[in-house]
Amino acid sequence: MSSTWPILSVLIWLPIFGGLAVIAVGEHRAALARLMALAIAGVTFILSITLFTAFDVSTAAMQFTEFKPWIATFDIFYSLGVDGFSVPLILLTTFFGVLVVIAGWEVIQVKVNQYMAAFLIMEGLMVGVFSATDAMLFYVFFEAMLIPMFLVIGMWGGPRRVYATIKFFLYTFLGSVFMLIGLIYLYIQSGSWSILEWHQFPLTLSVQKWLFLGFLAAFSVKIPMWPVHTWLPDAHVEAPTGGSVVLAAIMLKIGGYGFIRFSLPITPDAAAALDWLIITLSLIAVVYIGFVALVQQDMKKLIAYSSISHMGFVTLGLFIAFAVFQNTENGRGAALGVEGAMVQMISHGFVSGALFLCVGVLYDRLHSRMIADYGGVANTMPWFAALAVLFFMANSGLPGTSGFVGEFMVILAAFQANFWYAFLAAITLILGAAYSLWLVKRVIFGEVANQNVAQLEDINAREALVLGTLAVAVLLVGLWPEPLVNLMHASVEQLLQHIQQPKFSVSGI
C-alpha cells in the first residue's frame, strides 16, 4: 500500500531537522534543548505507531511506499517502503529514541544540546536504513549514522574514547566499502538501484559468492560476528550510557537486517552454499564468547560480550533455514528459525538496552563499572535490584521473558537441521545463566560491600520510568509474542519462497 501522506519521510526527517534545531538553541539553554529533544522524540514515536496500527499483515508487499527522483543521472531514487521486517525495527528505534533522551536528562551536563541532537539525528538516519528500498539511499543512511555515534563516543565517552571511536569507525567503515563495490556491480549489471528488483535479478553462482562475501564483510562487522567483534566491547566501555544503549539496542540489528534485505534474497544460492560458514561463526559466537563473558570484571564488558553471544542466535536462525530445507520438506522449521531471529533482535534490543541503563544508574552514583566495587546493592536500592534482576533473568533466557522466546524458536529450528547445532546453541542457556547470575550474586545480593554502597540511593522517578517501561516490554514480548510474529509472518514466508528458487544459470556455475 502507498500511504496517503509521507509517514516514512516524516519519521526520518522530523528527528534529523529537529536535531539541527536543538543544536541551534545553543549550549547555554540546556533546559530548552532537553524539552525540545523530548518533544521531537515523543512525537516521532507516536507517529511511528501508525506503521503498526495501519500495517496489513496479510501481505508481504512493501507498504507506505514513497518514490521520487533524487539523482536522475545515475538512476538513483528517493525510494522508501516497509514490510514485516522493517516495521518492528523502526518501532524499536523510535521507542528507544524517547528513552535515551529521558535517561540523559540529568546525567549529561556538558553540551547538552549537541548530545540530544546527536541522538535525534542518529534516530532519523537509522529509520532511513530500515525504510530505504533504493540501494544507494540505503548506503547513504548506513554510512551517515556512524557520524553521530562517532561524535557521541568521542565527546562524552571515557578516558580511552579516542581509541574506541577510531576502532569503531575503521571496522564499520572498511567493512561497508566491500558492500559498496557489490552495490555498484549490481547497478552496472541490472541498470537499477532498486533492492526489490535485485531480489529477482539472475546471477551466476560465482558472482553470487563474491557479492555474498562483500555483504558479509559489512554486516558481520555490524552485528558483530566473531572474529570481527573486538570493536564492540571497547566502544561500549568508553561510550556514555545513551551511546551504549543505542549501539546495543538498534545499531547491532542493522547487521541482521542487512542479511535479510540483501544477502538472503539477492544471493540465495551463495547463501545456501556458504551457510556452513555462517552457522560455524554463529555457534562460535554463541559458545566461545559466552565463556569470554564469564571472566569479565567490568559490567559493561560483560554485557557487551553477552550481546555478541546472543546476536549469534540471529545469524544462526537466519541461515539454519537452508539446513532445514535439506533435511525436511516442511518449511515450518525454516520459518521458525527466521521468525526466531527477528524476535531475538527485538528482545535483545529491550534486554541489552535495559542492562546498559542499569549499569548507567550504578555508574552515575559510584562512578565505577567494576563488579568488585559493588555488593549488597539490594539492601540499599531494592526497587533497582528488582528491575535489574528481571533484566538479567531475561538475559539468561528465563521463560516468561522476551529473552526466552527468540532463542527457543531458533533452537527448535536447529533441531530440525542438525542435533549438534541445537545442542551447541542450547549451551548459551547455561552460559547466559552462569555469567548473568554470577554478576547478580556479586553486585546485587550479599552483604553491603563497603561504605559507598551503603550510601546509595534507590532509583528516582525518571530512572523508574525508563526501567519500568522496559520491564513491561520484556514481559509483554515474553508472555504474548503473537502480535510481533504475526507482523512479520507474511514477509518471512515470502523470503523463504524466494531463497528456494535458484537464481543462477547452469552455464554460469
Protein backbone atom coordinates (compact mmCIF):
# COMPACT_ATOMS: atom_id res chain seq x y z
CA MET A 1 0.00 0.00 0.00
CA SER A 2 1.05 3.58 -0.58
CA SER A 3 0.47 5.98 2.27
CA THR A 4 -1.78 8.99 1.72
CA TRP A 5 0.86 11.06 3.48
CA PRO A 6 4.62 10.51 3.64
CA ILE A 7 4.81 8.92 7.09
CA LEU A 8 8.23 7.37 6.47
CA SER A 9 9.73 10.66 5.36
CA VAL A 10 8.28 12.30 8.47
CA LEU A 11 9.83 9.62 10.70
CA ILE A 12 13.21 10.13 9.01
CA TRP A 13 13.41 13.89 8.69
CA LEU A 14 11.49 15.08 11.77
CA PRO A 15 14.22 13.90 14.19
CA ILE A 16 17.01 14.96 11.81
CA PHE A 17 15.77 18.54 11.33
CA GLY A 18 14.63 18.56 14.95
CA GLY A 19 18.17 17.68 15.98
CA LEU A 20 19.53 20.57 13.94
CA ALA A 21 17.02 22.87 15.65
CA VAL A 22 18.17 21.62 19.06
CA ILE A 23 21.77 22.45 18.12
CA ALA A 24 20.63 25.93 17.15
CA VAL A 25 19.31 26.74 20.66
CA GLY A 26 22.93 26.93 21.90
CA GLU A 27 24.93 25.32 24.69
CA HIS A 28 23.66 27.66 27.41
CA ARG A 29 19.97 26.78 27.07
CA ALA A 30 20.19 23.19 28.26
CA ALA A 31 16.66 23.06 29.71
CA LEU A 32 15.13 24.13 26.40
CA ALA A 33 17.31 21.64 24.49
CA ARG A 34 16.08 18.81 26.71
CA LEU A 35 12.43 19.77 26.32
CA MET A 36 12.74 20.13 22.55
CA ALA A 37 14.51 16.78 22.24
CA LEU A 38 11.86 15.04 24.35
CA ALA A 39 9.02 16.60 22.34
CA ILE A 40 10.57 15.67 18.99
CA ALA A 41 11.41 12.11 20.07
CA GLY A 42 7.96 11.69 21.63
CA VAL A 43 6.10 12.88 18.54
CA THR A 44 8.26 10.66 16.31
CA PHE A 45 7.44 7.61 18.44
CA ILE A 46 3.72 8.36 18.49
CA LEU A 47 3.68 8.78 14.72
CA SER A 48 5.61 5.54 14.24
CA ILE A 49 2.81 3.62 15.96
CA THR A 50 0.80 4.36 12.80
CA LEU A 51 3.03 1.88 10.97
CA PHE A 52 1.85 -0.87 13.31
CA THR A 53 -1.82 0.02 13.52
CA ALA A 54 -2.26 0.56 9.76
CA PHE A 55 0.01 -2.26 8.61
CA ASP A 56 -1.62 -5.02 6.55
CA VAL A 57 -0.21 -8.28 7.96
CA SER A 58 -1.76 -10.37 5.18
CA THR A 59 0.69 -9.22 2.51
CA ALA A 60 4.46 -9.27 2.11
CA ALA A 61 4.41 -6.29 -0.27
CA MET A 62 6.12 -3.04 0.66
CA GLN A 63 3.74 -0.63 2.36
CA PHE A 64 3.70 3.15 2.99
CA THR A 65 5.80 3.46 -0.16
CA GLU A 66 7.33 6.71 -1.44
CA PHE A 67 9.11 7.11 -4.76
CA LYS A 68 10.66 10.34 -6.03
CA PRO A 69 13.61 11.19 -8.32
CA TRP A 70 16.81 12.01 -6.49
CA ILE A 71 19.93 11.76 -8.70
CA ALA A 72 18.40 11.10 -12.11
CA THR A 73 21.75 10.91 -13.93
CA PHE A 74 22.62 7.72 -12.08
CA ASP A 75 19.04 6.38 -11.77
CA ILE A 76 19.06 6.93 -8.01
CA PHE A 77 15.65 7.45 -6.43
CA TYR A 78 14.38 8.54 -3.06
CA SER A 79 12.53 5.26 -2.60
CA LEU A 80 11.05 4.17 0.72
CA GLY A 81 8.85 1.32 1.92
CA VAL A 82 8.45 -1.07 4.83
CA ASP A 83 7.46 -4.71 5.31
CA GLY A 84 7.18 -7.10 8.22
CA PHE A 85 10.93 -6.99 8.77
CA SER A 86 11.21 -3.20 8.81
CA VAL A 87 8.26 -2.14 10.97
CA PRO A 88 9.34 -3.83 14.26
CA LEU A 89 12.84 -2.40 13.95
CA ILE A 90 11.55 1.11 13.22
CA LEU A 91 9.26 0.94 16.26
CA LEU A 92 12.22 -0.25 18.36
CA THR A 93 14.28 2.71 17.10
CA THR A 94 11.68 5.38 17.87
CA PHE A 95 10.88 3.76 21.23
CA PHE A 96 14.48 3.98 22.37
CA GLY A 97 14.73 7.50 20.96
CA VAL A 98 12.42 8.64 23.76
CA LEU A 99 14.09 6.55 26.46
CA VAL A 100 17.61 7.77 25.64
CA VAL A 101 16.52 11.40 25.93
CA ILE A 102 14.92 10.75 29.34
CA ALA A 103 17.89 8.66 30.52
CA GLY A 104 20.32 11.51 29.77
CA TRP A 105 18.09 14.21 31.25
CA GLU A 106 20.12 14.87 34.40
CA VAL A 107 23.28 12.90 33.68
CA ILE A 108 24.54 14.96 30.74
CA GLN A 109 25.56 18.46 31.84
CA VAL A 110 28.11 19.41 29.16
CA LYS A 111 27.00 20.43 25.65
CA VAL A 112 23.51 19.14 26.32
CA ASN A 113 22.07 20.49 23.07
CA GLN A 114 24.72 18.69 20.99
CA TYR A 115 24.23 15.43 22.89
CA MET A 116 20.47 15.44 22.40
CA ALA A 117 20.82 16.48 18.77
CA ALA A 118 23.25 13.67 18.01
CA PHE A 119 20.75 11.06 19.16
CA LEU A 120 17.85 12.65 17.30
CA ILE A 121 19.82 12.78 14.05
CA MET A 122 21.03 9.22 14.60
CA GLU A 123 17.43 8.09 15.13
CA GLY A 124 16.30 9.60 11.82
CA LEU A 125 19.21 8.03 9.94
CA MET A 126 18.53 4.58 11.42
CA VAL A 127 14.86 4.81 10.44
CA GLY A 128 16.15 5.66 6.95
CA VAL A 129 18.24 2.47 6.90
CA PHE A 130 15.17 0.36 7.73
CA SER A 131 12.98 2.21 5.20
CA ALA A 132 15.18 2.62 2.11
CA THR A 133 14.36 0.45 -0.91
CA ASP A 134 16.94 2.15 -3.16
CA ALA A 135 20.39 0.66 -2.55
CA MET A 136 22.31 3.94 -2.78
CA LEU A 137 19.87 5.65 -0.43
CA PHE A 138 20.34 2.73 1.96
CA TYR A 139 24.12 3.10 1.73
CA VAL A 140 23.96 6.84 2.45
CA PHE A 141 21.90 6.27 5.59
CA PHE A 142 24.02 3.24 6.53
CA GLU A 143 27.22 5.28 6.50
CA ALA A 144 25.83 8.58 7.78
CA MET A 145 24.56 7.07 11.03
CA LEU A 146 28.18 6.32 12.01
CA ILE A 147 28.94 10.03 12.29
CA PRO A 148 26.69 10.95 15.26
CA MET A 149 27.68 7.76 17.12
CA PHE A 150 31.34 8.57 16.46
CA LEU A 151 30.78 12.03 17.98
CA VAL A 152 28.80 10.70 20.96
CA ILE A 153 31.59 8.29 21.97
CA GLY A 154 34.34 10.79 21.12
CA MET A 155 32.84 13.77 23.01
CA TRP A 156 31.09 12.19 26.00
CA GLY A 157 32.98 8.90 26.31
CA GLY A 158 35.52 7.58 28.80
CA PRO A 159 39.27 8.10 29.04
CA ARG A 160 40.08 5.81 26.06
CA ARG A 161 37.34 7.25 23.89
CA VAL A 162 39.64 8.32 21.05
CA TYR A 163 40.97 4.78 20.64
CA ALA A 164 37.44 3.34 20.82
CA THR A 165 35.99 5.77 18.29
CA ILE A 166 38.75 5.24 15.73
CA LYS A 167 38.49 1.46 16.09
CA PHE A 168 34.70 1.61 15.81
CA PHE A 169 34.82 3.81 12.72
CA LEU A 170 37.56 1.84 10.92
CA TYR A 171 35.91 -1.55 11.46
CA THR A 172 32.45 -0.43 10.38
CA PHE A 173 33.58 1.80 7.51
CA LEU A 174 36.09 -0.61 5.97
CA GLY A 175 33.58 -3.44 6.05
CA SER A 176 30.98 -1.39 4.20
CA VAL A 177 33.46 -0.49 1.41
CA PHE A 178 33.18 -4.08 0.14
CA MET A 179 29.41 -3.79 0.21
CA LEU A 180 29.61 -0.59 -1.86
CA ILE A 181 31.64 -2.41 -4.52
CA GLY A 182 28.93 -5.07 -4.65
CA LEU A 183 26.17 -2.47 -4.94
CA ILE A 184 27.93 -0.73 -7.82
CA TYR A 185 28.42 -4.06 -9.61
CA LEU A 186 24.72 -4.88 -9.26
CA TYR A 187 23.79 -1.47 -10.65
CA ILE A 188 26.08 -1.88 -13.65
CA GLN A 189 24.62 -5.32 -14.40
CA SER A 190 20.95 -4.54 -13.76
CA GLY A 191 20.72 -0.83 -14.62
CA SER A 192 18.83 -0.16 -11.40
CA TRP A 193 19.48 0.61 -7.75
CA SER A 194 16.18 -0.95 -6.65
CA ILE A 195 16.77 -3.53 -3.92
CA LEU A 196 13.48 -5.25 -4.76
CA GLU A 197 14.46 -5.59 -8.42
CA TRP A 198 17.78 -7.08 -7.37
CA HIS A 199 15.83 -9.77 -5.50
CA GLN A 200 14.67 -11.05 -8.90
CA PHE A 201 17.84 -10.35 -10.90
CA PRO A 202 19.59 -13.56 -12.11
CA LEU A 203 23.24 -14.02 -11.13
CA THR A 204 25.73 -16.80 -11.63
CA LEU A 205 26.78 -18.77 -8.57
CA SER A 206 30.36 -17.48 -8.71
CA VAL A 207 29.17 -13.86 -8.86
CA GLN A 208 26.74 -14.52 -6.02
CA LYS A 209 29.56 -15.83 -3.85
CA TRP A 210 31.66 -12.70 -4.36
CA LEU A 211 28.64 -10.49 -3.65
CA PHE A 212 27.75 -12.56 -0.60
CA LEU A 213 31.26 -12.13 0.81
CA GLY A 214 31.08 -8.38 0.19
CA PHE A 215 27.77 -8.16 2.06
CA LEU A 216 29.20 -10.41 4.79
CA ALA A 217 32.13 -8.02 5.30
CA ALA A 218 29.73 -5.16 6.01
CA PHE A 219 27.01 -6.88 8.01
CA SER A 220 29.19 -9.25 10.06
CA VAL A 221 31.02 -6.24 11.49
CA LYS A 222 27.75 -4.53 12.34
CA ILE A 223 26.24 -7.45 14.28
CA PRO A 224 29.18 -8.13 15.13
CA MET A 225 30.17 -11.73 14.40
CA TRP A 226 33.30 -13.50 15.58
CA PRO A 227 36.14 -12.72 14.76
CA VAL A 228 35.35 -9.09 13.79
CA HIS A 229 33.71 -8.38 17.14
CA THR A 230 36.58 -6.79 19.03
CA TRP A 231 35.49 -3.20 18.39
CA LEU A 232 32.23 -3.65 20.29
CA PRO A 233 33.48 -4.14 23.90
CA ASP A 234 35.82 -1.14 23.53
CA ALA A 235 33.04 1.03 22.10
CA HIS A 236 30.61 0.02 24.86
CA VAL A 237 33.06 0.58 27.68
CA GLU A 238 34.02 4.06 26.51
CA ALA A 239 30.58 5.20 25.32
CA PRO A 240 28.23 7.14 27.60
CA THR A 241 25.17 5.21 28.75
CA GLY A 242 22.97 6.55 25.94
CA GLY A 243 25.55 5.59 23.35
CA SER A 244 25.81 2.05 24.69
CA VAL A 245 22.01 1.72 24.72
CA VAL A 246 21.55 2.79 21.09
CA LEU A 247 24.57 0.80 19.94
CA ALA A 248 23.30 -2.41 21.55
CA ALA A 249 19.56 -1.96 21.07
CA ILE A 250 19.47 -0.64 17.48
CA MET A 251 22.78 -0.50 15.62
CA LEU A 252 23.67 -4.16 16.03
CA LYS A 253 20.29 -5.06 14.48
CA ILE A 254 21.23 -3.33 11.24
CA GLY A 255 23.65 -6.18 10.51
CA GLY A 256 20.88 -8.76 10.87
CA TYR A 257 18.54 -6.61 8.80
CA GLY A 258 21.19 -6.37 6.08
CA PHE A 259 21.38 -10.15 5.82
CA ILE A 260 17.58 -10.29 5.48
CA ARG A 261 17.33 -7.49 2.92
CA PHE A 262 20.48 -8.18 0.86
CA SER A 263 22.36 -11.43 1.44
CA LEU A 264 19.50 -13.93 1.54
CA PRO A 265 17.26 -12.66 -1.29
CA ILE A 266 19.93 -11.27 -3.66
CA THR A 267 22.45 -14.12 -3.30
CA PRO A 268 20.32 -17.09 -2.13
CA ASP A 269 22.38 -19.76 -3.89
CA ALA A 270 25.63 -18.45 -2.43
CA ALA A 271 23.96 -18.24 0.98
CA ALA A 272 22.92 -21.87 0.65
CA ALA A 273 26.44 -22.90 -0.43
CA LEU A 274 28.13 -20.95 2.37
CA ASP A 275 25.57 -21.45 5.13
CA TRP A 276 28.06 -23.76 6.91
CA LEU A 277 30.42 -20.78 7.31
CA ILE A 278 27.79 -18.53 8.91
CA ILE A 279 26.46 -21.33 11.11
CA THR A 280 30.02 -22.12 12.30
CA LEU A 281 30.80 -18.48 13.08
CA SER A 282 27.43 -18.12 14.83
CA LEU A 283 28.00 -21.14 17.05
CA ILE A 284 31.50 -19.92 17.92
CA ALA A 285 29.97 -16.60 18.97
CA VAL A 286 27.26 -18.32 20.99
CA VAL A 287 29.61 -20.66 22.88
CA TYR A 288 33.11 -19.15 22.92
CA ILE A 289 32.04 -15.56 23.56
CA GLY A 290 29.76 -16.83 26.32
CA PHE A 291 32.85 -18.19 28.09
CA VAL A 292 34.65 -14.89 27.49
CA ALA A 293 31.77 -13.06 29.18
CA LEU A 294 32.20 -15.27 32.25
CA VAL A 295 35.64 -13.86 33.09
CA GLN A 296 34.88 -10.15 32.70
CA GLN A 297 35.37 -7.85 35.69
CA ASP A 298 33.77 -4.78 34.06
CA MET A 299 29.95 -4.88 33.97
CA LYS A 300 29.76 -3.11 30.62
CA LYS A 301 32.25 -5.50 29.06
CA LEU A 302 30.32 -8.48 30.36
CA ILE A 303 27.08 -7.18 28.81
CA ALA A 304 28.90 -6.32 25.58
CA TYR A 305 30.25 -9.86 25.21
CA SER A 306 26.83 -11.17 26.17
CA SER A 307 25.38 -9.17 23.26
CA ILE A 308 27.80 -10.79 20.81
CA SER A 309 26.80 -14.23 22.08
CA HIS A 310 23.08 -13.51 21.85
CA MET A 311 23.34 -11.95 18.40
CA GLY A 312 24.89 -15.23 17.27
CA PHE A 313 21.35 -16.60 17.56
CA VAL A 314 20.21 -14.09 14.95
CA THR A 315 22.61 -15.24 12.25
CA LEU A 316 22.10 -18.88 13.26
CA GLY A 317 18.33 -18.54 12.90
CA LEU A 318 18.61 -16.85 9.52
CA PHE A 319 20.98 -19.37 7.93
CA ILE A 320 19.71 -22.53 9.60
CA ALA A 321 16.83 -22.37 7.10
CA PHE A 322 18.95 -23.92 4.34
CA ALA A 323 19.90 -26.90 6.50
CA VAL A 324 16.25 -27.36 7.49
CA PHE A 325 15.18 -27.46 3.83
CA GLN A 326 17.84 -30.10 3.14
CA ASN A 327 16.59 -32.35 5.94
CA THR A 328 12.82 -31.95 5.69
CA GLU A 329 10.13 -30.96 3.24
CA ASN A 330 8.37 -28.97 5.93
CA GLY A 331 9.34 -25.32 5.66
CA ARG A 332 7.83 -24.51 9.05
CA GLY A 333 11.15 -25.19 10.75
CA ALA A 334 12.87 -22.71 8.45
CA ALA A 335 10.16 -20.11 9.15
CA LEU A 336 10.61 -20.76 12.87
CA GLY A 337 14.32 -20.01 12.56
CA VAL A 338 13.86 -16.72 10.68
CA GLU A 339 11.00 -15.58 12.91
CA GLY A 340 13.05 -16.57 15.96
CA ALA A 341 15.96 -14.47 14.66
CA MET A 342 13.68 -11.45 14.30
CA VAL A 343 12.13 -11.94 17.74
CA GLN A 344 15.65 -12.30 19.16
CA MET A 345 16.65 -8.97 17.60
CA ILE A 346 13.70 -7.15 19.18
CA SER A 347 14.12 -8.91 22.52
CA HIS A 348 17.85 -8.26 22.62
CA GLY A 349 17.11 -4.59 21.96
CA PHE A 350 14.92 -4.37 25.05
CA VAL A 351 17.11 -6.51 27.31
CA SER A 352 20.55 -5.18 26.36
CA GLY A 353 19.29 -1.59 26.39
CA ALA A 354 17.87 -2.14 29.87
CA LEU A 355 21.08 -3.75 31.15
CA PHE A 356 23.24 -0.87 29.95
CA LEU A 357 20.82 1.57 31.56
CA CYS A 358 21.12 -0.38 34.82
CA VAL A 359 24.90 -0.11 34.68
CA GLY A 360 24.46 3.60 33.95
CA VAL A 361 22.35 4.01 37.09
CA LEU A 362 25.10 2.49 39.24
CA TYR A 363 27.86 4.37 37.43
CA ASP A 364 26.11 7.71 37.98
CA ARG A 365 26.26 7.04 41.73
CA LEU A 366 29.68 5.43 42.28
CA HIS A 367 31.48 6.25 39.01
CA SER A 368 32.67 2.66 38.72
CA ARG A 369 31.71 -0.19 36.44
CA MET A 370 33.89 -2.78 38.17
CA ILE A 371 32.00 -5.70 39.69
CA ALA A 372 34.41 -5.85 42.63
CA ASP A 373 33.37 -2.35 43.78
CA TYR A 374 29.80 -3.45 44.45
CA GLY A 375 27.94 -5.97 46.57
CA GLY A 376 24.68 -5.93 48.51
CA VAL A 377 23.08 -3.28 46.30
CA ALA A 378 19.64 -4.83 47.01
CA ASN A 379 19.94 -3.71 50.63
CA THR A 380 20.04 -0.02 49.71
CA MET A 381 18.36 0.01 46.26
CA PRO A 382 15.53 -2.56 46.44
CA TRP A 383 13.47 -1.20 43.52
CA PHE A 384 16.52 -1.01 41.31
CA ALA A 385 17.54 -4.52 42.37
CA ALA A 386 14.14 -5.96 41.46
CA LEU A 387 14.25 -4.49 37.95
CA ALA A 388 17.90 -5.38 37.39
CA VAL A 389 17.31 -9.00 38.40
CA LEU A 390 14.37 -9.19 35.95
CA PHE A 391 16.57 -7.96 33.09
CA PHE A 392 19.39 -10.36 33.96
CA MET A 393 16.87 -13.21 34.12
CA ALA A 394 15.67 -12.21 30.65
CA ASN A 395 19.30 -12.17 29.53
CA SER A 396 19.55 -15.75 30.79
CA GLY A 397 16.56 -16.80 28.69
CA LEU A 398 14.06 -17.23 31.56
CA PRO A 399 10.66 -18.45 30.27
CA GLY A 400 8.07 -15.68 30.51
CA THR A 401 10.57 -13.04 29.39
CA SER A 402 11.37 -11.91 25.87
CA GLY A 403 14.84 -13.42 26.12
CA PHE A 404 13.39 -16.92 26.07
CA VAL A 405 11.11 -16.68 23.03
CA GLY A 406 13.57 -15.97 20.21
CA GLU A 407 16.25 -18.34 21.48
CA PHE A 408 13.73 -21.14 21.97
CA MET A 409 12.38 -20.71 18.43
CA VAL A 410 15.89 -20.82 16.95
CA ILE A 411 16.82 -23.92 18.97
CA LEU A 412 13.65 -25.69 17.81
CA ALA A 413 14.53 -24.84 14.20
CA ALA A 414 18.10 -26.02 14.75
CA PHE A 415 16.83 -29.41 15.93
CA GLN A 416 15.19 -29.89 12.52
CA ALA A 417 18.50 -29.10 10.82
CA ASN A 418 21.10 -30.89 12.94
CA PHE A 419 21.06 -32.13 16.52
CA TRP A 420 24.55 -30.78 17.23
CA TYR A 421 23.60 -27.30 16.02
CA ALA A 422 20.79 -27.31 18.55
CA PHE A 423 22.98 -28.80 21.29
CA LEU A 424 25.68 -26.16 20.89
CA ALA A 425 23.13 -23.35 20.62
CA ALA A 426 21.41 -24.53 23.80
CA ILE A 427 24.69 -24.20 25.71
CA THR A 428 24.09 -20.45 25.72
CA LEU A 429 21.16 -21.02 28.09
CA ILE A 430 23.65 -22.44 30.58
CA LEU A 431 26.37 -19.89 29.92
CA GLY A 432 23.89 -16.99 29.89
CA ALA A 433 22.57 -18.07 33.26
CA ALA A 434 26.12 -18.52 34.56
CA TYR A 435 27.51 -15.07 33.78
CA SER A 436 24.21 -13.27 34.46
CA LEU A 437 23.53 -14.90 37.82
CA TRP A 438 27.16 -14.62 38.89
CA LEU A 439 27.06 -10.88 38.24
CA VAL A 440 23.75 -10.62 40.14
CA LYS A 441 25.23 -12.53 43.06
CA ARG A 442 28.31 -10.32 43.27
CA VAL A 443 26.64 -6.96 42.63
CA ILE A 444 23.03 -7.16 43.80
CA PHE A 445 22.94 -9.68 46.65
CA GLY A 446 25.02 -10.46 49.70
CA GLU A 447 26.14 -8.15 52.45
CA VAL A 448 26.80 -4.49 51.73
CA ALA A 449 30.34 -4.45 50.38
CA ASN A 450 31.55 -1.04 51.54
CA GLN A 451 30.52 2.36 52.79
CA ASN A 452 29.99 3.72 49.30
CA VAL A 453 27.38 1.06 48.54
CA ALA A 454 25.75 1.65 51.94
CA GLN A 455 25.10 5.27 50.96
CA LEU A 456 23.47 4.53 47.60
CA GLU A 457 20.02 5.97 46.97
CA ASP A 458 17.36 4.00 45.13
CA ILE A 459 16.20 4.95 41.64
CA ASN A 460 14.33 8.20 41.22
CA ALA A 461 11.10 8.73 39.27
CA ARG A 462 12.93 9.38 35.98
CA GLU A 463 15.00 6.21 36.23
CA ALA A 464 11.98 4.19 37.37
CA LEU A 465 10.01 5.40 34.33
CA VAL A 466 12.72 4.29 31.89
CA LEU A 467 13.48 0.91 33.52
CA GLY A 468 9.82 0.22 34.30
CA THR A 469 8.81 0.81 30.68
CA LEU A 470 11.47 -1.62 29.51
CA ALA A 471 10.36 -4.19 32.11
CA VAL A 472 6.83 -4.05 30.69
CA ALA A 473 8.20 -4.50 27.16
CA VAL A 474 10.34 -7.50 28.19
CA LEU A 475 7.40 -9.21 29.89
CA LEU A 476 4.92 -8.34 27.14
CA VAL A 477 7.02 -9.90 24.38
CA GLY A 478 7.84 -12.85 26.62
CA LEU A 479 4.22 -13.61 27.52
CA TRP A 480 2.49 -12.52 24.30
CA PRO A 481 4.81 -12.64 21.25
CA GLU A 482 1.95 -13.35 18.82
CA PRO A 483 1.43 -9.75 17.55
CA LEU A 484 5.16 -9.47 16.77
CA VAL A 485 5.27 -12.82 14.98
CA ASN A 486 2.08 -12.06 13.01
CA LEU A 487 3.56 -8.76 11.90
CA MET A 488 6.48 -10.45 10.17
CA HIS A 489 4.95 -13.80 9.16
CA ALA A 490 3.96 -12.91 5.56
CA SER A 491 7.38 -11.36 4.89
CA VAL A 492 9.13 -14.43 6.32
CA GLU A 493 7.09 -16.78 4.09
CA GLN A 494 7.92 -14.68 1.02
CA LEU A 495 11.63 -14.68 1.89
CA LEU A 496 11.67 -18.47 2.30
CA GLN A 497 9.89 -18.99 -1.02
CA HIS A 498 12.41 -16.68 -2.64
CA ILE A 499 15.54 -18.40 -1.33
CA GLN A 500 14.32 -21.81 -2.51
CA GLN A 501 14.30 -20.70 -6.15
CA PRO A 502 17.76 -20.88 -7.82
CA LYS A 503 18.84 -17.63 -9.46
CA PHE A 504 21.91 -18.79 -11.35
CA SER A 505 22.05 -20.14 -14.91
CA VAL A 506 23.54 -23.60 -15.43
CA SER A 507 26.14 -22.26 -17.79
CA GLY A 508 27.36 -19.83 -15.17
CA ILE A 509 28.09 -22.33 -12.43
